[in-house]
Amino acid sequence: MALVERRALLVRAGTVVTNHNDVAQNGVTFADLGILHDAEIVCADGAIVAIGKRGSIDLSREAIAQEVNLGDRVIVPGFVDAHAHPLFAGDREPDFAARIRGERPTLGMLHTVEQTRAALLDGAAFYERSVRPRLHALLMHGTTTLETKTGYALHKPGEAELLDLIATHRDDADAPRLVSTFLGAHALPPEYDDEIAFVDYLIDQCLPTAKAHGAVYADAFCEPGFFSPEQTRRYLEAARAHGLRLRVHCDEMQFGHAAEMAVALGVDAVDHCNCIREQDVAAIAERDIVTVACPATIAYLDLPQRAPVRALLERGATVALASDFNPGTSPCFNLQTVAYFGRKLFGLSAAEALYGVTVAAARSLRANAGRLRVGAPADFVALDIASPHEFGWQHGGNLASFVVRAGVIAA
């Protein structure tokens, strides 16, 4: 029996899905992932120090500072969102209304850039009034690790300020743990009318200092009408030379050889991939690159093509499900809803969807997250469902009734 000697948090629940086992995603079951019934988890110093069936852990009353009994609820690892744009000001509801009327959206991304630049004139107030409430809502819906992109300032001072905000708040107790991504090549800013010149600016002025401001990843929107594969390659190669890891938006709305370029470059993740070809599927699987699919975006925009998720899984690839939370194309921050769309649009099972928002997403970020085992971060969420097979079925609300981040109960 494991002996717990430190003062700790003890949580009991009817079912715990641990994701302890290293298994492939395609056709995975909860038994494959690792499941405990009538289980308990002990947390101390931000990590899991013991996990097992009730009675298998040797507990002294002096060791436990707090004990929580969650009854028949289902505990799963904290969700990992591998693609999100939460650092924006304003909203784009008029664009949504225009789409409903069958009209062309009038605001677009540059409206968000304008609003965000204005908000950054007082960065602390922007974070407190706009960003912090969003991040807290994400946490309370079960997201404990969040890839957090810049990309709505599109000039050096603003992008640096956004990176600094991520770095300052990357481990706040009332928000998910933040993984910083510099998305300089998101769109062409109003000061430029040429993508080549803007990429030169990013390479010369922004990338040399991005890592010093806390960036872990560099990303780009490689899409016809935005940045070409050649422009994106130059930008990403420069980012890698400055010590950043790479991920990239690929072939989201049109095919443009983006995934082909990204695979050749050896990125950690290719995101969206709605319009990729069969040979791209094969290459992604062969290079063991994680695909980050964004089904809420597909649903929001009524996109005619979907990422070939089942084909990727059948070839042995790994597919994360992410929110793509942003004001223009996916104002959805709830990974429970994303899991529903993953099941609805891609035909995933509950276990495959949970894998997508935990193990696969963490792998795409090279993050120590998405699993419950001794030594792992104590990040987990209790869902008000009777069985893990209900994951991604009920949707539209919040079934996360109890969230623990780094061993602390979120409130």
Protein backbone atom coordinates (compact mmCIF):
# COMPACT_ATOMS: atom_id res chain seq x y z
CA MET A 1 0.00 0.00 0.00
CA ALA A 2 1.28 3.48 -0.91
CA LEU A 3 2.05 5.59 2.16
CA VAL A 4 1.19 9.28 2.12
CA GLU A 5 3.17 11.36 4.60
CA ARG A 6 2.58 14.93 3.41
CA ARG A 7 -0.46 17.08 4.10
CA ALA A 8 -2.46 16.62 0.96
CA LEU A 9 -5.76 16.85 -0.90
CA LEU A 10 -7.68 13.56 -1.09
CA VAL A 11 -10.39 13.22 -3.77
CA ARG A 12 -12.66 10.20 -4.12
CA ALA A 13 -14.95 9.42 -7.07
CA GLY A 14 -16.92 6.56 -8.55
CA THR A 15 -14.82 6.41 -11.73
CA VAL A 16 -11.41 7.76 -12.72
CA VAL A 17 -10.11 7.60 -16.29
CA THR A 18 -6.35 7.85 -15.91
CA ASN A 19 -5.00 7.81 -19.50
CA HIS A 20 -2.10 6.03 -17.84
CA ASN A 21 -1.46 3.57 -20.66
CA ASP A 22 0.44 4.44 -23.84
CA VAL A 23 -1.96 3.26 -26.54
CA ALA A 24 -2.92 4.36 -30.05
CA GLN A 25 -5.95 6.59 -30.48
CA ASN A 26 -7.75 4.71 -33.24
CA GLY A 27 -10.42 2.49 -31.71
CA VAL A 28 -9.16 3.14 -28.19
CA THR A 29 -11.43 2.16 -25.28
CA PHE A 30 -11.59 3.45 -21.75
CA ALA A 31 -10.24 0.11 -20.59
CA ASP A 32 -7.26 0.67 -22.90
CA LEU A 33 -6.70 4.13 -21.46
CA GLY A 34 -6.88 2.93 -17.88
CA ILE A 35 -9.95 3.14 -15.69
CA LEU A 36 -10.42 2.84 -11.95
CA HIS A 37 -13.71 2.34 -10.13
CA ASP A 38 -14.34 3.49 -6.56
CA ALA A 39 -11.05 5.36 -6.76
CA GLU A 40 -9.11 8.00 -4.89
CA ILE A 41 -6.44 10.52 -5.84
CA VAL A 42 -4.02 12.17 -3.43
CA CYS A 43 -2.34 15.45 -4.42
CA ALA A 44 0.47 17.38 -2.76
CA ASP A 45 2.84 20.11 -3.92
CA GLY A 46 0.98 20.42 -7.22
CA ALA A 47 1.43 16.77 -8.25
CA ILE A 48 -0.30 13.44 -7.86
CA VAL A 49 1.40 11.49 -5.08
CA ALA A 50 -0.94 8.48 -5.05
CA ILE A 51 -3.80 7.13 -7.14
CA GLY A 52 -5.66 3.85 -6.91
CA LYS A 53 -8.76 2.03 -5.79
CA ARG A 54 -10.19 3.05 -2.46
CA GLY A 55 -8.30 1.32 0.30
CA SER A 56 -5.14 0.78 -1.74
CA ILE A 57 -3.49 3.95 -0.40
CA ASP A 58 -2.24 4.01 3.19
CA LEU A 59 -3.54 7.28 4.57
CA SER A 60 -2.90 8.80 7.96
CA ARG A 61 -5.42 11.37 9.13
CA GLU A 62 -2.57 13.78 9.85
CA ALA A 63 -1.48 13.61 6.20
CA ILE A 64 -4.75 14.86 4.71
CA ALA A 65 -5.48 18.56 4.82
CA GLN A 66 -8.70 18.31 2.82
CA GLU A 67 -10.91 15.42 1.77
CA VAL A 68 -13.53 15.59 -0.99
CA ASN A 69 -15.99 12.84 -1.88
CA LEU A 70 -17.45 13.28 -5.35
CA GLY A 71 -19.79 10.32 -5.20
CA ASP A 72 -20.49 8.71 -8.57
CA ARG A 73 -18.97 11.45 -10.71
CA VAL A 74 -16.42 10.64 -13.40
CA ILE A 75 -12.93 12.13 -13.07
CA VAL A 76 -10.82 12.60 -16.20
CA PRO A 77 -7.50 14.36 -16.74
CA GLY A 78 -7.68 18.12 -17.11
CA PHE A 79 -8.42 19.09 -20.69
CA VAL A 80 -5.63 20.40 -22.91
CA ASP A 81 -6.62 22.93 -25.58
CA ALA A 82 -3.94 22.87 -28.27
CA HIS A 83 -5.20 25.76 -30.41
CA ALA A 84 -6.67 28.97 -28.98
CA HIS A 85 -6.64 32.73 -29.62
CA PRO A 86 -7.98 34.24 -26.36
CA LEU A 87 -5.95 37.48 -26.45
CA PHE A 88 -8.39 39.73 -28.27
CA ALA A 89 -10.47 42.82 -27.56
CA GLY A 90 -13.99 43.50 -28.76
CA ASP A 91 -16.27 41.06 -30.51
CA ARG A 92 -17.33 40.12 -34.02
CA GLU A 93 -21.02 39.37 -33.44
CA PRO A 94 -21.99 41.56 -36.42
CA ASP A 95 -20.03 39.19 -38.66
CA PHE A 96 -21.98 36.26 -37.22
CA ALA A 97 -25.25 38.06 -37.86
CA ALA A 98 -24.16 38.86 -41.42
CA ARG A 99 -23.41 35.19 -42.12
CA ILE A 100 -26.84 34.21 -40.85
CA ARG A 101 -28.38 36.70 -43.30
CA GLY A 102 -26.27 35.24 -46.09
CA GLU A 103 -24.16 38.39 -46.36
CA ARG A 104 -20.42 38.87 -46.40
CA PRO A 105 -18.98 39.71 -42.93
CA THR A 106 -18.00 43.37 -42.76
CA LEU A 107 -15.63 43.56 -39.78
CA GLY A 108 -13.07 40.82 -40.28
CA MET A 109 -9.79 40.19 -38.52
CA LEU A 110 -8.44 43.71 -38.93
CA HIS A 111 -11.30 44.99 -36.76
CA THR A 112 -10.02 42.71 -33.99
CA VAL A 113 -6.48 43.96 -34.62
CA GLU A 114 -7.66 47.57 -34.27
CA GLN A 115 -9.55 46.82 -31.06
CA THR A 116 -6.70 44.80 -29.56
CA ARG A 117 -4.08 47.44 -30.34
CA ALA A 118 -6.23 50.04 -28.62
CA ALA A 119 -6.72 47.79 -25.58
CA LEU A 120 -2.97 47.21 -25.31
CA LEU A 121 -2.44 50.90 -24.56
CA ASP A 122 -3.24 49.70 -21.02
CA GLY A 123 -2.16 46.08 -21.08
CA ALA A 124 -2.84 45.42 -17.41
CA ALA A 125 -6.41 46.67 -17.68
CA PHE A 126 -6.91 44.68 -20.90
CA TYR A 127 -5.87 41.52 -19.10
CA GLU A 128 -8.01 42.14 -16.02
CA ARG A 129 -11.16 43.24 -17.84
CA SER A 130 -11.11 40.99 -20.90
CA VAL A 131 -8.57 38.19 -20.79
CA ARG A 132 -8.66 37.03 -17.17
CA PRO A 133 -12.44 36.36 -17.17
CA ARG A 134 -12.09 34.33 -20.38
CA LEU A 135 -9.24 32.26 -19.01
CA HIS A 136 -11.11 31.65 -15.77
CA ALA A 137 -14.16 30.48 -17.71
CA LEU A 138 -11.94 28.08 -19.65
CA LEU A 139 -10.56 26.67 -16.40
CA MET A 140 -14.00 26.24 -14.85
CA HIS A 141 -15.08 24.27 -17.93
CA GLY A 142 -12.19 21.86 -17.36
CA THR A 143 -9.32 23.22 -19.49
CA THR A 144 -6.20 23.12 -17.33
CA THR A 145 -3.58 23.60 -20.09
CA LEU A 146 -4.07 26.12 -22.89
CA GLU A 147 -2.00 26.87 -25.97
CA THR A 148 -2.29 30.66 -26.12
CA LYS A 149 -1.55 32.50 -29.36
CA THR A 150 -0.69 36.10 -30.04
CA GLY A 151 -1.58 37.45 -33.48
CA TYR A 152 -4.05 40.28 -32.95
CA ALA A 153 -1.52 43.10 -32.66
CA LEU A 154 0.61 42.31 -35.71
CA HIS A 155 3.38 44.73 -34.89
CA LYS A 156 6.45 44.34 -32.71
CA PRO A 157 5.39 46.33 -29.62
CA GLY A 158 1.91 44.83 -29.48
CA GLU A 159 3.01 41.26 -30.11
CA ALA A 160 5.73 41.62 -27.47
CA GLU A 161 3.13 42.93 -25.02
CA LEU A 162 0.87 39.95 -25.72
CA LEU A 163 3.77 37.55 -25.18
CA ASP A 164 4.60 39.33 -21.92
CA LEU A 165 1.01 38.97 -20.72
CA ILE A 166 1.16 35.23 -21.39
CA ALA A 167 4.50 34.93 -19.59
CA THR A 168 3.31 36.95 -16.60
CA HIS A 169 0.13 34.92 -16.17
CA ARG A 170 1.21 31.52 -17.50
CA ASP A 171 0.86 29.83 -14.11
CA ASP A 172 -1.87 31.86 -12.39
CA ALA A 173 -4.04 29.76 -10.10
CA ASP A 174 -7.30 31.08 -11.56
CA ALA A 175 -6.49 30.20 -15.17
CA PRO A 176 -5.20 27.27 -17.20
CA ARG A 177 -1.45 26.74 -17.48
CA LEU A 178 -0.50 28.74 -20.59
CA VAL A 179 1.77 27.59 -23.43
CA SER A 180 2.86 30.63 -25.43
CA THR A 181 2.72 30.73 -29.23
CA PHE A 182 3.91 33.68 -31.33
CA LEU A 183 1.48 33.95 -34.25
CA GLY A 184 3.11 36.85 -36.01
CA ALA A 185 2.12 35.61 -39.47
CA HIS A 186 -1.61 35.64 -38.78
CA ALA A 187 -2.74 38.21 -41.34
CA LEU A 188 -1.43 41.22 -43.19
CA PRO A 189 -1.62 44.30 -40.90
CA PRO A 190 -2.95 47.62 -42.23
CA GLU A 191 0.55 49.10 -42.51
CA TYR A 192 1.54 46.55 -45.17
CA ASP A 193 0.17 45.68 -48.58
CA ASP A 194 2.70 42.95 -49.35
CA GLU A 195 3.09 39.63 -47.52
CA ILE A 196 6.75 39.26 -48.46
CA ALA A 197 7.66 42.59 -46.88
CA PHE A 198 5.69 41.76 -43.74
CA VAL A 199 7.38 38.36 -43.39
CA ASP A 200 10.71 40.16 -43.73
CA TYR A 201 9.63 42.47 -40.89
CA LEU A 202 8.64 39.52 -38.70
CA ILE A 203 11.94 37.77 -39.37
CA ASP A 204 14.08 40.86 -38.84
CA GLN A 205 12.23 42.61 -36.02
CA CYS A 206 9.99 40.19 -34.11
CA LEU A 207 11.38 36.67 -34.14
CA PRO A 208 14.80 37.55 -32.69
CA THR A 209 13.17 38.57 -29.39
CA ALA A 210 10.08 36.32 -29.28
CA LYS A 211 11.67 33.64 -27.13
CA ALA A 212 12.99 36.24 -24.69
CA HIS A 213 9.37 37.34 -24.24
CA GLY A 214 8.36 33.78 -23.37
CA ALA A 215 7.31 32.27 -26.68
CA VAL A 216 7.59 28.49 -26.90
CA TYR A 217 6.08 28.06 -30.37
CA ALA A 218 5.82 29.98 -33.61
CA ASP A 219 2.74 29.60 -35.79
CA ALA A 220 1.51 30.95 -39.12
CA PHE A 221 -1.73 31.02 -41.10
CA CYS A 222 -0.66 29.24 -44.29
CA GLU A 223 -3.69 29.60 -46.52
CA PRO A 224 -4.46 30.97 -50.00
CA GLY A 225 -5.08 34.68 -49.56
CA PHE A 226 -2.92 34.86 -46.44
CA PHE A 227 0.63 33.43 -46.32
CA SER A 228 1.96 31.12 -49.00
CA PRO A 229 3.91 27.94 -48.23
CA GLU A 230 7.15 29.61 -49.27
CA GLN A 231 6.54 32.70 -47.13
CA THR A 232 5.51 30.49 -44.22
CA ARG A 233 8.57 28.29 -44.61
CA ARG A 234 10.91 31.29 -44.44
CA TYR A 235 9.16 32.55 -41.32
CA LEU A 236 9.15 29.15 -39.59
CA GLU A 237 12.76 28.38 -40.46
CA ALA A 238 13.77 31.71 -38.92
CA ALA A 239 11.66 30.93 -35.85
CA ARG A 240 13.37 27.58 -35.43
CA ALA A 241 16.76 29.28 -35.74
CA HIS A 242 15.75 31.48 -32.80
CA GLY A 243 14.89 28.48 -30.64
CA LEU A 244 11.14 28.22 -31.15
CA ARG A 245 9.21 25.02 -31.79
CA LEU A 246 6.82 25.00 -34.74
CA ARG A 247 3.14 24.46 -35.44
CA VAL A 248 1.10 25.83 -38.34
CA HIS A 249 -2.45 26.46 -39.58
CA CYS A 250 -2.73 24.29 -42.71
CA ASP A 251 -5.24 24.10 -45.57
CA GLU A 252 -8.18 25.21 -43.43
CA MET A 253 -10.57 26.61 -46.01
CA GLN A 254 -8.77 25.85 -49.27
CA PHE A 255 -6.05 23.47 -50.35
CA GLY A 256 -2.74 25.28 -50.76
CA HIS A 257 0.09 22.76 -50.17
CA ALA A 258 0.43 24.00 -46.58
CA ALA A 259 0.48 20.59 -44.89
CA GLU A 260 2.94 19.35 -47.48
CA MET A 261 5.31 22.19 -46.57
CA ALA A 262 4.78 21.73 -42.83
CA VAL A 263 5.46 17.99 -42.91
CA ALA A 264 8.67 18.53 -44.86
CA LEU A 265 9.72 21.09 -42.25
CA GLY A 266 9.04 18.66 -39.40
CA VAL A 267 6.64 20.74 -37.29
CA ASP A 268 5.12 19.41 -34.07
CA ALA A 269 1.53 19.96 -35.19
CA VAL A 270 -0.49 20.69 -38.32
CA ASP A 271 -3.76 22.41 -37.44
CA HIS A 272 -7.17 22.40 -39.18
CA CYS A 273 -6.18 20.36 -42.30
CA ASN A 274 -9.74 20.33 -43.65
CA CYS A 275 -8.64 20.33 -47.28
CA ILE A 276 -5.57 18.07 -47.27
CA ARG A 277 -5.03 15.25 -49.76
CA GLU A 278 -4.60 11.53 -49.27
CA GLN A 279 -0.83 11.83 -49.72
CA ASP A 280 -0.77 14.48 -46.98
CA VAL A 281 -2.60 12.09 -44.65
CA ALA A 282 0.01 9.43 -45.34
CA ALA A 283 2.91 11.84 -44.82
CA ILE A 284 1.51 13.23 -41.56
CA ALA A 285 1.12 9.71 -40.20
CA GLU A 286 4.53 8.60 -41.40
CA ARG A 287 6.27 11.60 -39.78
CA ASP A 288 4.24 11.10 -36.56
CA ILE A 289 3.02 14.71 -36.56
CA VAL A 290 -0.08 15.50 -34.50
CA THR A 291 -3.05 16.88 -36.40
CA VAL A 292 -5.01 19.45 -34.39
CA ALA A 293 -8.57 19.39 -35.70
CA CYS A 294 -10.99 22.23 -34.88
CA PRO A 295 -14.53 20.94 -35.35
CA ALA A 296 -16.26 23.91 -33.71
CA THR A 297 -14.79 26.12 -36.45
CA ILE A 298 -16.14 23.80 -39.12
CA ALA A 299 -19.58 23.97 -37.54
CA TYR A 300 -19.50 27.74 -37.00
CA LEU A 301 -18.46 28.52 -40.58
CA ASP A 302 -20.43 25.69 -42.22
CA LEU A 303 -17.27 24.63 -43.99
CA PRO A 304 -17.90 22.15 -46.80
CA GLN A 305 -14.81 20.04 -46.04
CA ARG A 306 -13.71 18.42 -42.80
CA ALA A 307 -10.33 17.20 -41.65
CA PRO A 308 -9.99 13.52 -42.62
CA VAL A 309 -9.76 12.45 -39.01
CA ARG A 310 -10.73 8.80 -39.41
CA ALA A 311 -8.32 8.33 -42.31
CA LEU A 312 -5.54 9.83 -40.18
CA LEU A 313 -6.36 7.59 -37.22
CA GLU A 314 -6.56 4.47 -39.36
CA ARG A 315 -3.03 5.18 -40.62
CA GLY A 316 -1.82 5.37 -37.01
CA ALA A 317 -1.73 9.16 -36.70
CA THR A 318 -2.77 11.12 -33.62
CA VAL A 319 -5.52 13.76 -33.75
CA ALA A 320 -6.11 16.41 -31.09
CA LEU A 321 -9.40 18.27 -30.80
CA ALA A 322 -9.05 21.99 -30.08
CA SER A 323 -11.38 24.94 -29.67
CA ASP A 324 -9.73 27.46 -32.02
CA PHE A 325 -11.33 29.95 -29.60
CA ASN A 326 -11.37 33.34 -31.34
CA PRO A 327 -13.90 36.10 -32.02
CA GLY A 328 -14.24 35.62 -35.76
CA THR A 329 -14.45 31.95 -36.66
CA SER A 330 -14.92 29.99 -33.42
CA PRO A 331 -16.20 31.85 -30.35
CA CYS A 332 -16.32 28.53 -28.49
CA PHE A 333 -14.07 28.03 -25.46
CA ASN A 334 -15.67 24.83 -24.09
CA LEU A 335 -13.78 21.63 -24.91
CA GLN A 336 -16.78 19.62 -23.77
CA THR A 337 -18.69 21.13 -26.70
CA VAL A 338 -15.69 20.59 -28.96
CA ALA A 339 -15.72 16.91 -27.98
CA TYR A 340 -19.38 16.77 -29.04
CA PHE A 341 -18.51 18.26 -32.43
CA GLY A 342 -15.59 15.82 -32.67
CA ARG A 343 -17.99 12.92 -32.22
CA LYS A 344 -20.70 14.44 -34.44
CA LEU A 345 -18.53 15.58 -37.36
CA PHE A 346 -15.69 13.06 -37.25
CA GLY A 347 -17.47 9.99 -35.89
CA LEU A 348 -15.21 9.63 -32.87
CA SER A 349 -16.06 7.45 -29.92
CA ALA A 350 -16.19 8.96 -26.45
CA ALA A 351 -12.79 7.47 -25.62
CA GLU A 352 -11.24 8.74 -28.87
CA ALA A 353 -12.63 12.21 -28.20
CA LEU A 354 -11.31 12.26 -24.63
CA TYR A 355 -7.92 11.16 -26.00
CA GLY A 356 -8.14 14.09 -28.41
CA VAL A 357 -8.59 16.72 -25.70
CA THR A 358 -6.03 15.20 -23.34
CA VAL A 359 -3.25 12.88 -24.54
CA ALA A 360 -3.16 13.99 -28.18
CA ALA A 361 -3.35 17.69 -27.40
CA ALA A 362 -0.63 17.43 -24.77
CA ARG A 363 1.57 15.55 -27.19
CA SER A 364 1.15 18.26 -29.82
CA LEU A 365 2.42 20.80 -27.27
CA ARG A 366 5.13 18.58 -25.77
CA ALA A 367 3.35 19.31 -22.47
CA ASN A 368 3.41 17.24 -19.29
CA ALA A 369 -0.38 16.99 -19.13
CA GLY A 370 -3.34 14.84 -20.05
CA ARG A 371 -2.57 11.84 -17.80
CA LEU A 372 -3.23 10.94 -14.18
CA ARG A 373 -0.35 9.04 -12.61
CA VAL A 374 2.07 9.46 -9.76
CA GLY A 375 4.38 12.38 -10.42
CA ALA A 376 2.12 13.99 -13.03
CA PRO A 377 0.65 17.45 -12.46
CA ALA A 378 -2.49 17.23 -10.33
CA ASP A 379 -4.79 18.54 -13.07
CA PHE A 380 -8.18 16.84 -13.32
CA VAL A 381 -11.87 17.50 -13.73
CA ALA A 382 -14.95 15.75 -12.34
CA LEU A 383 -17.85 15.54 -14.78
CA ASP A 384 -21.51 15.16 -13.83
CA ILE A 385 -22.02 12.10 -15.99
CA ALA A 386 -22.85 8.54 -15.03
CA SER A 387 -20.30 6.91 -17.32
CA PRO A 388 -17.26 8.06 -19.32
CA HIS A 389 -19.11 6.83 -22.42
CA GLU A 390 -21.30 9.92 -22.10
CA PHE A 391 -18.34 12.21 -22.80
CA GLY A 392 -19.14 14.36 -25.82
CA TRP A 393 -22.83 13.42 -25.77
CA GLN A 394 -24.49 16.00 -23.54
CA HIS A 395 -23.31 19.41 -24.69
CA GLY A 396 -24.05 23.11 -24.66
CA GLY A 397 -23.51 23.59 -20.93
CA ASN A 398 -20.87 22.83 -18.35
CA LEU A 399 -20.70 19.34 -16.85
CA ALA A 400 -17.44 20.12 -15.04
CA SER A 401 -18.54 20.42 -11.43
CA PHE A 402 -15.11 20.15 -9.80
CA VAL A 403 -11.77 21.23 -11.30
CA VAL A 404 -8.32 20.77 -9.77
CA ARG A 405 -5.36 22.61 -11.27
CA ALA A 406 -1.88 21.97 -9.86
CA GLY A 407 -3.46 20.33 -6.83
CA VAL A 408 -5.66 23.34 -6.00
CA ILE A 409 -9.43 23.28 -6.26
CA ALA A 410 -10.52 25.90 -8.79
CA ALA A 411 -13.18 28.34 -7.68
